[in-house]
Amino acid sequence: MTLNGSTSLPYTPKEMGRSSLSRTFILYTLGLFAVLGVIFIGILTKITWDASHARAIRVTEAFFQATKRPFERAIWTVNADATLQLIRGLESLEVVEKVWVETPDTGNFGEPVTGPRAAEALSYTLNSPSTILHKDAIGQVFILIDRNTISYEIVSTVGFIVTAIIVYLLLLAIVIRTVFRRLIGQPLSAIVEYLSTPRLIEDPPKAELMPGRADEIGILAASLQSMVQRRHLDLQKIQEYQTNLEDLVAHRTEQLKLVQEELIQADNLAALGALVAGVSHELNTPLGNALMAATTIKDSTGYLRTELEEQKLSKEALENEVERISDTAHIIEKTLGRARELVGNFRQVAVDRQSEKKRSFNFDHIIRETLATLQPTLKKTPFKVELDLHADEIIDSYPGAVSQLVSNFVENAIKHGYEGRSEGLIKLSSQVVHPKDKNRNNSNERKIIFKCQDFGVGIPEKNLKKVFEPFFTTKFGKGGSGLGMAICYQLVTEALNGTISVSSSVGSGTEFIIEFPAMAAQDTRKPLGQKVH
């Protein structure tokens, strides 16, 4: 059944007739009765055989007892004709197949049976009629029961019973099929026909399917009609929803972009706040030293003024104070120079990240300036940064993107690469690749390769393909939002127009490799995000 409400059945009406429920029910029922009938006929055949065989033995024994005396006299008097006449008399019985007499003195009378059948013969002993006291045995009579006669009797009896059972099963099948079709088959056919109605879900019939029927079939039909009506209402809602689905998707996509931009902006402000806090902390030392030196100069000038007013100033004291003031001024110059360097680095990095403009800059200098702003953070950790920079050339690109990449990679190595470690080394390297067989001074053809390598815990292979996916993080719920490496990927591919790759081995560390042209194309940037962990 498709969404537009059209219906289709998996079987044709002819196939449904061959596999109908009534046909299956009758086959199973008659099959069960047939199995039970076979078992019954087998038991009946065994009982009838035993009874017929026992009756044949009783009849044979009764007749033999009636002819025993004549047998004994005929054998005693060696009257072969009388003996053979008695044998033919016994063989004339319907249940007797063969009779013969074996004597130790006068030989055998009749034709003995040999082979396995001989063991089935009944044996009776003949005694001498001359004396009752000794009862000497004069021979034995063997009587073989006719199995064919018994078998024919059994076949006749069992055949009649089998015929009666078959007729009973046929009549039972007709009755069951009639009752089943009336009570179950026809109602189910009506339900199937109802389900095969074209456009059933879009326009369901209003008439009641099984009016006045309150049994299980009636409940099934009512439930089915109720379900179709609900599907009809659901289909109407789905169609209404589909008409507005594109607008809804566009609206949700716009909301998702706004949320992502807000997350990036929030991290941007947080990163700048952390940068300000670190630089402020670093400025405390040089500014404090400058304040102490200024205080020293103030004390010296006060001392000189007092000595001059009292006319007690000597040449030696003046020279000492001048030297002291000179040394102090040197200290002030050195400390304020350090403060000026920190402020300059911070201002350049902050301007680059916020302005998002392309300009010419020295690649290695940007890396050093960024690391200078990260020194307050690095001093609080046991980790070291090693530089192997060989890209001391002027390039025309986006310094803010480069600075942000360096910050993201260094802090990512600290928080993730060396998680649980008490020491570690972060190696930053750069180099310029010039085009082959071309002028090395052609800046448009140069490429910058920047690498960040740590020797920490590494990234499992199953996570390598997800590193640059948005919102993928192993620290979800612990301060990580999963945007850090996704923003790095965006910065490299969209801002710097380059490529980024990652390789890692669990327990050995991770290496990120960035390659981008030294001359960036115009208007390739989108607004920069910020590092996220």
Protein backbone atom coordinates (compact mmCIF):
# COMPACT_ATOMS: atom_id res chain seq x y z
CA MET A 1 0.00 0.00 0.00
CA THR A 2 1.58 3.24 -1.15
CA LEU A 3 1.40 6.66 0.45
CA ASN A 4 -1.05 8.04 -2.11
CA GLY A 5 -3.63 5.54 -0.94
CA SER A 6 -3.65 3.05 -3.81
CA THR A 7 -3.73 -0.60 -2.82
CA SER A 8 -2.39 -3.76 -4.42
CA LEU A 9 -2.65 -7.38 -3.33
CA PRO A 10 0.28 -9.80 -3.49
CA TYR A 11 -1.92 -12.55 -5.06
CA THR A 12 -4.38 -12.74 -7.92
CA PRO A 13 -7.93 -14.00 -7.16
CA LYS A 14 -7.08 -17.33 -8.87
CA GLU A 15 -3.98 -17.78 -6.73
CA MET A 16 -5.97 -16.82 -3.64
CA GLY A 17 -8.50 -19.53 -4.50
CA ARG A 18 -5.74 -22.15 -4.66
CA SER A 19 -4.35 -21.04 -1.30
CA SER A 20 -7.60 -20.06 0.41
CA LEU A 21 -8.02 -20.47 4.15
CA SER A 22 -10.92 -22.93 3.79
CA ARG A 23 -8.91 -25.12 1.40
CA THR A 24 -5.93 -25.09 3.75
CA PHE A 25 -8.13 -25.81 6.78
CA ILE A 26 -9.80 -28.77 5.06
CA LEU A 27 -6.47 -30.17 3.88
CA TYR A 28 -5.06 -30.00 7.38
CA THR A 29 -8.22 -31.47 8.92
CA LEU A 30 -8.55 -34.31 6.41
CA GLY A 31 -4.83 -34.96 6.62
CA LEU A 32 -5.08 -35.34 10.38
CA PHE A 33 -8.10 -37.63 10.04
CA ALA A 34 -6.27 -39.64 7.39
CA VAL A 35 -3.25 -40.14 9.64
CA LEU A 36 -5.51 -41.19 12.50
CA GLY A 37 -7.40 -43.49 10.10
CA VAL A 38 -4.19 -45.16 8.95
CA ILE A 39 -3.18 -45.76 12.55
CA PHE A 40 -6.66 -47.10 13.35
CA ILE A 41 -6.67 -49.41 10.30
CA GLY A 42 -3.23 -50.73 11.22
CA ILE A 43 -4.33 -51.55 14.75
CA LEU A 44 -7.59 -53.04 13.47
CA THR A 45 -5.76 -55.19 10.93
CA LYS A 46 -3.44 -56.55 13.62
CA ILE A 47 -6.33 -57.35 15.95
CA THR A 48 -8.38 -58.94 13.15
CA TRP A 49 -5.42 -61.05 12.00
CA ASP A 50 -4.74 -62.34 15.50
CA ALA A 51 -8.42 -63.11 16.05
CA SER A 52 -8.83 -64.91 12.69
CA HIS A 53 -5.64 -66.90 13.20
CA ALA A 54 -6.72 -67.96 16.68
CA ARG A 55 -10.18 -68.93 15.40
CA ALA A 56 -8.60 -71.01 12.58
CA ILE A 57 -6.43 -72.81 15.15
CA ARG A 58 -9.46 -73.54 17.35
CA VAL A 59 -11.47 -74.92 14.40
CA THR A 60 -8.54 -77.05 13.26
CA GLU A 61 -7.92 -78.42 16.75
CA ALA A 62 -11.60 -79.28 17.22
CA PHE A 63 -11.71 -81.13 13.93
CA PHE A 64 -8.43 -82.93 14.65
CA GLN A 65 -9.64 -84.05 18.06
CA ALA A 66 -12.67 -85.57 16.33
CA THR A 67 -10.43 -87.51 13.92
CA LYS A 68 -7.58 -88.35 16.28
CA ARG A 69 -8.77 -91.89 17.12
CA PRO A 70 -9.25 -92.86 13.48
CA PHE A 71 -5.79 -91.43 12.70
CA GLU A 72 -4.20 -93.54 15.46
CA ARG A 73 -5.99 -96.75 14.31
CA ALA A 74 -5.07 -96.15 10.66
CA ILE A 75 -1.43 -95.52 11.50
CA TRP A 76 -1.34 -98.48 13.95
CA THR A 77 -2.78 -100.85 11.37
CA VAL A 78 -0.62 -99.32 8.63
CA ASN A 79 -3.73 -98.48 6.59
CA ALA A 80 -2.36 -95.98 4.08
CA ASP A 81 -5.70 -95.41 2.31
CA ALA A 82 -7.51 -94.59 5.53
CA THR A 83 -4.68 -92.28 6.59
CA LEU A 84 -4.69 -90.39 3.28
CA GLN A 85 -8.48 -90.12 3.40
CA LEU A 86 -8.26 -88.57 6.86
CA ILE A 87 -5.52 -86.14 5.63
CA ARG A 88 -7.75 -85.06 2.69
CA GLY A 89 -10.61 -84.59 5.13
CA LEU A 90 -8.53 -82.17 7.22
CA GLU A 91 -7.25 -80.40 4.08
CA SER A 92 -10.85 -79.88 3.01
CA LEU A 93 -11.24 -77.39 5.85
CA GLU A 94 -11.24 -73.76 4.56
CA VAL A 95 -8.55 -72.65 7.00
CA VAL A 96 -6.17 -75.60 6.40
CA GLU A 97 -3.57 -75.38 3.66
CA LYS A 98 -1.57 -78.64 4.12
CA VAL A 99 -1.60 -81.76 6.33
CA TRP A 100 1.01 -84.54 6.56
CA VAL A 101 1.89 -87.33 9.02
CA GLU A 102 5.36 -88.40 10.01
CA THR A 103 5.93 -91.86 11.66
CA PRO A 104 9.18 -93.45 12.84
CA ASP A 105 8.37 -96.91 11.46
CA THR A 106 6.12 -96.69 8.42
CA GLY A 107 7.38 -93.40 6.88
CA ASN A 108 5.44 -90.26 5.98
CA PHE A 109 1.90 -89.83 4.72
CA GLY A 110 1.10 -86.76 2.58
CA GLU A 111 3.52 -84.22 1.19
CA PRO A 112 5.59 -82.46 3.91
CA VAL A 113 6.22 -78.70 3.59
CA THR A 114 9.84 -77.60 3.67
CA GLY A 115 11.45 -74.24 4.27
CA PRO A 116 10.39 -71.48 6.67
CA ARG A 117 6.71 -72.36 6.36
CA ALA A 118 7.34 -75.75 8.01
CA ALA A 119 8.00 -74.01 11.33
CA GLU A 120 4.50 -72.43 11.22
CA ALA A 121 2.69 -75.83 11.12
CA LEU A 122 0.71 -77.05 14.13
CA SER A 123 2.03 -80.38 15.54
CA TYR A 124 -0.03 -83.07 17.29
CA THR A 125 1.23 -86.43 18.65
CA LEU A 126 -0.50 -89.76 17.79
CA ASN A 127 -0.40 -92.55 20.44
CA SER A 128 -0.79 -96.31 20.12
CA PRO A 129 -4.46 -97.49 20.55
CA SER A 130 -3.43 -100.98 21.85
CA THR A 131 -2.90 -99.95 25.41
CA ILE A 132 -3.93 -97.00 27.41
CA LEU A 133 -1.32 -97.61 30.03
CA HIS A 134 1.81 -97.00 27.96
CA LYS A 135 0.50 -94.47 25.35
CA ASP A 136 3.43 -95.13 23.04
CA ALA A 137 3.87 -92.38 20.37
CA ILE A 138 3.44 -93.80 16.88
CA GLY A 139 3.71 -90.53 14.86
CA GLN A 140 2.95 -86.85 14.53
CA VAL A 141 0.35 -84.96 12.51
CA PHE A 142 1.40 -81.54 11.09
CA ILE A 143 -1.32 -79.06 10.06
CA LEU A 144 -0.40 -75.79 8.20
CA ILE A 145 -2.96 -73.01 8.51
CA ASP A 146 -3.92 -71.32 5.18
CA ARG A 147 -2.73 -67.66 5.46
CA ASN A 148 -4.40 -66.67 2.20
CA THR A 149 -7.82 -67.47 3.54
CA ILE A 150 -7.21 -65.45 6.68
CA SER A 151 -5.77 -62.59 4.61
CA TYR A 152 -8.78 -62.56 2.32
CA GLU A 153 -11.11 -62.39 5.30
CA ILE A 154 -9.09 -59.52 6.80
CA VAL A 155 -8.91 -57.65 3.49
CA SER A 156 -12.67 -57.93 3.11
CA THR A 157 -13.30 -56.63 6.61
CA VAL A 158 -10.69 -53.86 6.53
CA GLY A 159 -11.65 -52.86 2.98
CA PHE A 160 -15.22 -52.28 4.07
CA ILE A 161 -14.03 -50.20 7.01
CA VAL A 162 -11.65 -48.16 4.83
CA THR A 163 -14.41 -47.47 2.32
CA ALA A 164 -16.68 -46.34 5.12
CA ILE A 165 -13.95 -44.03 6.49
CA ILE A 166 -13.28 -42.50 3.07
CA VAL A 167 -16.97 -41.84 2.52
CA TYR A 168 -17.14 -40.34 6.02
CA LEU A 169 -14.18 -38.07 5.36
CA LEU A 170 -15.63 -36.88 2.06
CA LEU A 171 -18.96 -36.08 3.68
CA LEU A 172 -17.11 -34.39 6.56
CA ALA A 173 -15.07 -32.31 4.10
CA ILE A 174 -18.21 -31.15 2.31
CA VAL A 175 -19.90 -30.21 5.57
CA ILE A 176 -16.81 -28.45 6.96
CA ARG A 177 -16.21 -26.56 3.71
CA THR A 178 -19.83 -25.41 3.58
CA VAL A 179 -19.87 -24.27 7.19
CA PHE A 180 -16.40 -22.72 6.96
CA ARG A 181 -17.20 -20.77 3.80
CA ARG A 182 -20.39 -19.41 5.32
CA LEU A 183 -18.95 -18.45 8.70
CA ILE A 184 -15.37 -17.52 7.78
CA GLY A 185 -14.54 -17.80 4.08
CA GLN A 186 -17.16 -15.44 2.67
CA PRO A 187 -16.59 -12.75 5.36
CA LEU A 188 -12.83 -12.92 4.79
CA SER A 189 -13.38 -12.68 1.02
CA ALA A 190 -15.45 -9.58 1.66
CA ILE A 191 -12.61 -8.12 3.73
CA VAL A 192 -10.09 -8.92 0.97
CA GLU A 193 -12.34 -7.31 -1.60
CA TYR A 194 -12.63 -4.27 0.67
CA LEU A 195 -8.84 -4.05 0.94
CA SER A 196 -8.49 -4.26 -2.86
CA THR A 197 -10.73 -1.24 -3.36
CA PRO A 198 -8.88 1.32 -5.56
CA ARG A 199 -7.70 4.43 -3.68
CA LEU A 200 -8.88 2.88 -0.41
CA ILE A 201 -6.92 5.23 1.83
CA GLU A 202 -7.68 8.39 -0.16
CA ASP A 203 -11.42 7.68 -0.45
CA PRO A 204 -12.53 4.86 1.90
CA PRO A 205 -16.08 3.45 1.50
CA LYS A 206 -18.59 4.80 4.00
CA ALA A 207 -20.79 1.66 4.24
CA GLU A 208 -20.30 -0.71 7.18
CA LEU A 209 -18.34 -3.81 6.15
CA MET A 210 -20.01 -6.44 8.41
CA PRO A 211 -23.31 -5.01 9.64
CA GLY A 212 -24.95 -6.86 12.52
CA ARG A 213 -22.07 -9.25 13.13
CA ALA A 214 -20.61 -9.11 16.66
CA ASP A 215 -18.28 -12.13 16.66
CA GLU A 216 -14.52 -12.11 16.06
CA ILE A 217 -14.92 -11.59 12.30
CA GLY A 218 -17.23 -8.65 12.89
CA ILE A 219 -14.80 -7.11 15.38
CA LEU A 220 -11.95 -7.61 12.89
CA ALA A 221 -13.92 -5.93 10.11
CA ALA A 222 -14.88 -2.99 12.35
CA SER A 223 -11.28 -2.58 13.53
CA LEU A 224 -10.05 -2.72 9.95
CA GLN A 225 -12.47 -0.03 8.83
CA SER A 226 -11.48 2.10 11.81
CA MET A 227 -7.80 1.69 10.93
CA VAL A 228 -8.47 2.68 7.31
CA GLN A 229 -10.29 5.79 8.49
CA ARG A 230 -7.35 6.72 10.72
CA ARG A 231 -4.94 6.16 7.84
CA HIS A 232 -7.15 8.39 5.71
CA LEU A 233 -6.88 11.18 8.28
CA ASP A 234 -3.13 10.58 8.64
CA LEU A 235 -2.73 10.74 4.86
CA GLN A 236 -4.50 14.08 4.77
CA LYS A 237 -2.17 15.40 7.48
CA ILE A 238 0.89 14.05 5.63
CA GLN A 239 -0.21 15.68 2.40
CA GLU A 240 -0.69 18.96 4.23
CA TYR A 241 2.72 18.54 5.80
CA GLN A 242 4.35 17.76 2.44
CA THR A 243 3.01 20.97 0.94
CA ASN A 244 4.88 22.95 3.60
CA LEU A 245 7.89 20.62 3.94
CA GLU A 246 10.29 22.66 1.79
CA ASP A 247 9.52 25.86 3.70
CA LEU A 248 9.88 24.00 6.99
CA VAL A 249 13.23 22.49 5.96
CA ALA A 250 14.51 25.87 4.82
CA HIS A 251 13.38 27.45 8.09
CA ARG A 252 15.02 24.73 10.19
CA THR A 253 18.22 24.95 8.13
CA GLU A 254 18.36 28.69 8.68
CA GLN A 255 17.82 28.19 12.40
CA LEU A 256 20.63 25.60 12.48
CA LYS A 257 22.99 27.99 10.69
CA LEU A 258 22.12 30.75 13.17
CA VAL A 259 22.75 28.41 16.11
CA GLN A 260 26.10 27.33 14.63
CA GLU A 261 27.10 30.96 14.03
CA GLU A 262 26.12 31.84 17.59
CA LEU A 263 28.21 28.94 18.93
CA ILE A 264 31.18 30.04 16.84
CA GLN A 265 30.77 33.67 17.90
CA ALA A 266 30.46 32.66 21.55
CA ASP A 267 33.68 30.65 21.30
CA ASN A 268 35.30 33.55 19.48
CA LEU A 269 34.50 35.93 22.32
CA ALA A 270 35.53 33.36 24.91
CA ALA A 271 38.87 32.81 23.14
CA LEU A 272 39.53 36.55 22.94
CA GLY A 273 38.60 36.86 26.60
CA ALA A 274 41.08 34.14 27.51
CA LEU A 275 43.68 35.86 25.33
CA VAL A 276 43.08 39.20 27.10
CA ALA A 277 43.33 37.52 30.49
CA GLY A 278 46.61 35.84 29.54
CA VAL A 279 48.14 39.02 28.12
CA SER A 280 46.98 40.99 31.16
CA HIS A 281 48.68 38.47 33.40
CA GLU A 282 51.87 38.72 31.36
CA LEU A 283 51.77 42.55 31.46
CA ASN A 284 51.64 42.57 35.26
CA THR A 285 55.35 41.68 35.56
CA PRO A 286 56.90 44.33 33.22
CA LEU A 287 54.48 47.03 34.34
CA GLY A 288 55.16 46.20 37.99
CA ASN A 289 58.89 46.39 37.38
CA ALA A 290 58.47 49.72 35.57
CA LEU A 291 56.41 51.06 38.48
CA MET A 292 59.13 50.03 40.96
CA ALA A 293 61.80 51.70 38.77
CA ALA A 294 59.74 54.88 38.51
CA THR A 295 59.39 54.90 42.27
CA THR A 296 63.16 54.53 42.57
CA ILE A 297 63.71 57.51 40.24
CA LYS A 298 61.21 59.52 42.23
CA ASP A 299 63.09 58.75 45.45
CA SER A 300 66.42 59.70 43.85
CA THR A 301 65.11 63.02 42.51
CA GLY A 302 63.62 63.76 45.93
CA TYR A 303 66.95 63.05 47.59
CA LEU A 304 68.81 65.29 45.13
CA ARG A 305 66.31 68.13 45.61
CA THR A 306 66.68 67.92 49.39
CA GLU A 307 70.47 67.89 49.18
CA LEU A 308 70.47 70.89 46.85
CA GLU A 309 68.14 72.87 49.08
CA GLU A 310 70.36 72.17 52.07
CA GLN A 311 73.49 72.74 49.97
CA LYS A 312 74.88 69.42 51.14
CA LEU A 313 75.10 67.77 47.70
CA SER A 314 78.54 66.44 46.98
CA LYS A 315 79.96 65.46 43.62
CA GLU A 316 80.23 61.80 44.64
CA ALA A 317 76.61 61.67 45.84
CA LEU A 318 75.46 63.33 42.59
CA GLU A 319 77.35 60.84 40.46
CA ASN A 320 75.91 57.90 42.48
CA GLU A 321 72.35 59.14 42.13
CA VAL A 322 72.79 59.85 38.40
CA GLU A 323 74.10 56.33 37.85
CA ARG A 324 71.22 54.92 39.88
CA ILE A 325 68.72 56.93 37.84
CA SER A 326 70.39 55.77 34.59
CA ASP A 327 70.20 52.08 35.58
CA THR A 328 66.61 52.49 36.65
CA ALA A 329 65.74 54.20 33.37
CA HIS A 330 67.32 51.27 31.50
CA ILE A 331 65.13 48.87 33.49
CA ILE A 332 62.05 50.95 32.65
CA GLU A 333 62.98 50.95 28.98
CA LYS A 334 63.47 47.16 28.94
CA THR A 335 60.27 46.32 30.83
CA LEU A 336 58.14 48.74 28.83
CA GLY A 337 59.64 47.31 25.65
CA ARG A 338 58.50 43.86 26.75
CA ALA A 339 55.04 45.24 27.50
CA ARG A 340 54.95 46.98 24.13
CA GLU A 341 55.87 43.69 22.40
CA LEU A 342 53.08 41.81 24.22
CA VAL A 343 50.52 44.48 23.44
CA GLY A 344 51.68 44.63 19.83
CA ASN A 345 51.37 40.87 19.37
CA PHE A 346 47.98 40.83 21.03
CA ARG A 347 46.73 43.76 18.98
CA GLN A 348 47.93 42.22 15.70
CA VAL A 349 46.44 38.81 16.48
CA ALA A 350 43.17 40.30 17.70
CA VAL A 351 42.89 42.60 14.67
CA ASP A 352 43.70 39.77 12.26
CA ARG A 353 41.05 37.50 13.77
CA GLN A 354 38.34 40.16 13.85
CA SER A 355 39.05 42.00 10.61
CA GLU A 356 39.08 38.86 8.41
CA LYS A 357 40.97 40.76 5.72
CA LYS A 358 43.65 39.52 3.37
CA ARG A 359 47.04 41.16 3.62
CA SER A 360 50.72 40.49 3.09
CA PHE A 361 52.56 39.01 6.07
CA ASN A 362 55.49 36.83 7.03
CA PHE A 363 54.18 33.33 7.67
CA ASP A 364 56.74 32.32 10.32
CA HIS A 365 56.30 35.68 12.11
CA ILE A 366 52.54 35.05 12.44
CA ILE A 367 53.24 31.66 14.02
CA ARG A 368 55.65 33.23 16.52
CA GLU A 369 53.26 36.07 17.33
CA THR A 370 50.44 33.60 17.95
CA LEU A 371 52.63 31.47 20.20
CA ALA A 372 53.60 34.62 22.13
CA THR A 373 49.92 35.23 22.92
CA LEU A 374 49.60 31.56 23.98
CA GLN A 375 52.56 31.72 26.38
CA PRO A 376 50.36 32.47 29.45
CA THR A 377 48.43 29.26 28.73
CA LEU A 378 51.51 27.20 27.88
CA LYS A 379 53.32 28.28 31.07
CA LYS A 380 50.60 26.64 33.15
CA THR A 381 51.16 23.25 31.45
CA PRO A 382 54.12 20.83 31.40
CA PHE A 383 54.06 20.75 27.61
CA LYS A 384 56.63 22.33 25.30
CA VAL A 385 56.36 23.71 21.78
CA GLU A 386 59.20 23.08 19.35
CA LEU A 387 59.49 25.21 16.20
CA ASP A 388 60.98 24.03 12.93
CA LEU A 389 60.06 26.97 10.69
CA HIS A 390 61.39 27.36 7.16
CA ALA A 391 58.73 29.60 5.61
CA ASP A 392 60.30 32.95 6.45
CA GLU A 393 58.77 34.58 3.39
CA ILE A 394 56.11 37.20 2.69
CA ILE A 395 52.81 35.69 1.52
CA ASP A 396 49.49 37.29 0.60
CA SER A 397 46.71 35.51 2.49
CA TYR A 398 44.61 35.66 5.65
CA PRO A 399 46.76 35.99 8.79
CA GLY A 400 43.74 35.66 11.06
CA ALA A 401 42.97 32.22 9.67
CA VAL A 402 46.61 31.14 10.07
CA SER A 403 46.73 32.45 13.67
CA GLN A 404 43.48 30.71 14.51
CA LEU A 405 44.72 27.42 13.05
CA VAL A 406 47.90 27.57 15.15
CA SER A 407 45.89 28.28 18.32
CA ASN A 408 43.39 25.53 17.61
CA PHE A 409 46.05 22.91 16.85
CA VAL A 410 48.20 23.74 19.91
CA GLU A 411 45.29 23.79 22.34
CA ASN A 412 43.77 20.67 20.74
CA ALA A 413 47.08 18.84 21.26
CA ILE A 414 47.18 19.97 24.91
CA LYS A 415 43.59 19.03 25.74
CA HIS A 416 43.17 15.92 23.59
CA GLY A 417 46.54 14.70 22.30
CA TYR A 418 48.20 14.67 25.73
CA GLU A 419 45.13 13.89 27.81
CA GLY A 420 46.26 12.10 30.95
CA ARG A 421 49.96 12.77 30.22
CA SER A 422 52.31 14.74 32.52
CA GLU A 423 54.65 15.90 29.75
CA GLY A 424 54.77 16.17 26.00
CA LEU A 425 56.15 17.96 22.95
CA ILE A 426 54.18 19.81 20.28
CA LYS A 427 56.15 20.25 17.06
CA LEU A 428 55.23 23.03 14.60
CA SER A 429 56.99 23.07 11.22
CA SER A 430 56.64 25.06 8.02
CA GLN A 431 58.21 25.11 4.60
CA VAL A 432 57.75 26.74 1.21
CA VAL A 433 57.33 24.52 -1.84
CA HIS A 434 58.28 26.12 -5.14
CA PRO A 435 56.92 24.88 -8.47
CA LYS A 436 59.07 22.48 -10.44
CA ASP A 437 60.70 23.79 -13.62
CA LYS A 438 59.42 27.30 -12.93
CA ASN A 439 60.82 30.57 -11.62
CA ARG A 440 61.28 30.33 -7.85
CA ASN A 441 60.44 34.02 -7.49
CA ASN A 442 56.94 33.53 -8.89
CA SER A 443 54.91 33.97 -5.70
CA ASN A 444 51.67 32.91 -7.40
CA GLU A 445 52.99 29.37 -7.75
CA ARG A 446 54.43 28.93 -4.26
CA LYS A 447 52.73 26.74 -1.68
CA ILE A 448 53.03 26.73 2.10
CA ILE A 449 53.09 23.44 4.00
CA PHE A 450 52.37 23.71 7.73
CA LYS A 451 52.47 20.72 10.08
CA CYS A 452 51.42 20.27 13.70
CA GLN A 453 52.58 17.04 15.31
CA ASP A 454 52.15 15.65 18.80
CA PHE A 455 53.37 12.38 20.30
CA GLY A 456 50.39 11.72 22.54
CA VAL A 457 47.55 9.22 22.80
CA GLY A 458 46.57 9.34 19.11
CA ILE A 459 43.17 8.97 17.46
CA PRO A 460 41.45 5.58 16.98
CA GLU A 461 41.05 4.56 13.34
CA LYS A 462 37.24 4.55 13.58
CA ASN A 463 37.30 8.26 14.55
CA LEU A 464 39.80 9.48 11.91
CA LYS A 465 37.11 9.92 9.25
CA LYS A 466 34.95 11.90 11.69
CA VAL A 467 37.60 14.33 12.94
CA PHE A 468 36.49 17.17 10.65
CA GLU A 469 32.74 16.54 11.03
CA PRO A 470 30.77 19.29 12.82
CA PHE A 471 29.77 18.49 16.40
CA PHE A 472 31.94 15.38 16.59
CA THR A 473 33.78 15.30 19.92
CA THR A 474 34.99 12.71 22.41
CA LYS A 475 34.35 15.17 25.24
CA PHE A 476 30.65 15.75 24.75
CA GLY A 477 29.19 17.00 28.02
CA LYS A 478 32.68 17.87 29.31
CA GLY A 479 33.09 21.24 27.64
CA GLY A 480 33.53 20.04 24.06
CA SER A 481 31.12 21.06 21.32
CA GLY A 482 32.81 19.30 18.38
CA LEU A 483 33.31 22.40 16.20
CA GLY A 484 37.08 22.87 16.59
CA MET A 485 38.41 20.67 13.82
CA ALA A 486 35.36 21.41 11.66
CA ILE A 487 36.24 25.12 11.79
CA CYS A 488 39.87 24.29 11.00
CA TYR A 489 38.69 22.39 7.94
CA GLN A 490 36.51 25.34 6.93
CA LEU A 491 39.38 27.82 7.41
CA VAL A 492 41.80 25.76 5.30
CA THR A 493 39.44 24.85 2.46
CA GLU A 494 37.40 28.06 2.20
CA ALA A 495 39.64 30.84 3.54
CA LEU A 496 43.11 29.62 2.58
CA ASN A 497 41.89 27.63 -0.46
CA GLY A 498 44.02 24.68 0.62
CA THR A 499 43.82 21.09 1.82
CA ILE A 500 44.10 19.51 5.26
CA SER A 501 44.82 15.90 6.20
CA VAL A 502 45.35 13.97 9.40
CA SER A 503 47.26 10.79 10.21
CA SER A 504 47.40 9.12 13.58
CA SER A 505 48.42 5.96 15.40
CA VAL A 506 47.00 5.08 18.79
CA GLY A 507 49.71 5.55 21.40
CA SER A 508 52.13 7.24 18.99
CA GLY A 509 50.53 10.61 18.30
CA THR A 510 48.77 12.64 15.62
CA GLU A 511 49.94 14.84 12.74
CA PHE A 512 47.92 17.48 10.88
CA ILE A 513 49.25 18.64 7.50
CA ILE A 514 48.00 21.81 5.81
CA GLU A 515 48.93 22.87 2.27
CA PHE A 516 47.71 26.11 0.71
CA PRO A 517 48.87 28.62 -1.94
CA ALA A 518 51.04 31.54 -0.84
CA MET A 519 48.86 33.87 -2.90
CA ALA A 520 45.23 33.49 -1.81
CA ALA A 521 42.43 34.10 -4.27
CA GLN A 522 40.25 37.17 -3.80
CA ASP A 523 36.90 36.93 -1.99
CA THR A 524 37.20 33.24 -1.08
CA ARG A 525 36.62 33.71 2.64
CA LYS A 526 33.59 33.26 4.78
CA PRO A 527 33.37 34.69 8.31
CA LEU A 528 35.92 33.02 10.53
CA GLY A 529 34.93 30.81 13.40
CA GLN A 530 37.02 30.13 16.45
CA LYS A 531 38.70 27.18 18.08
CA VAL A 532 36.39 24.82 19.90
CA HIS A 533 37.35 21.81 21.96
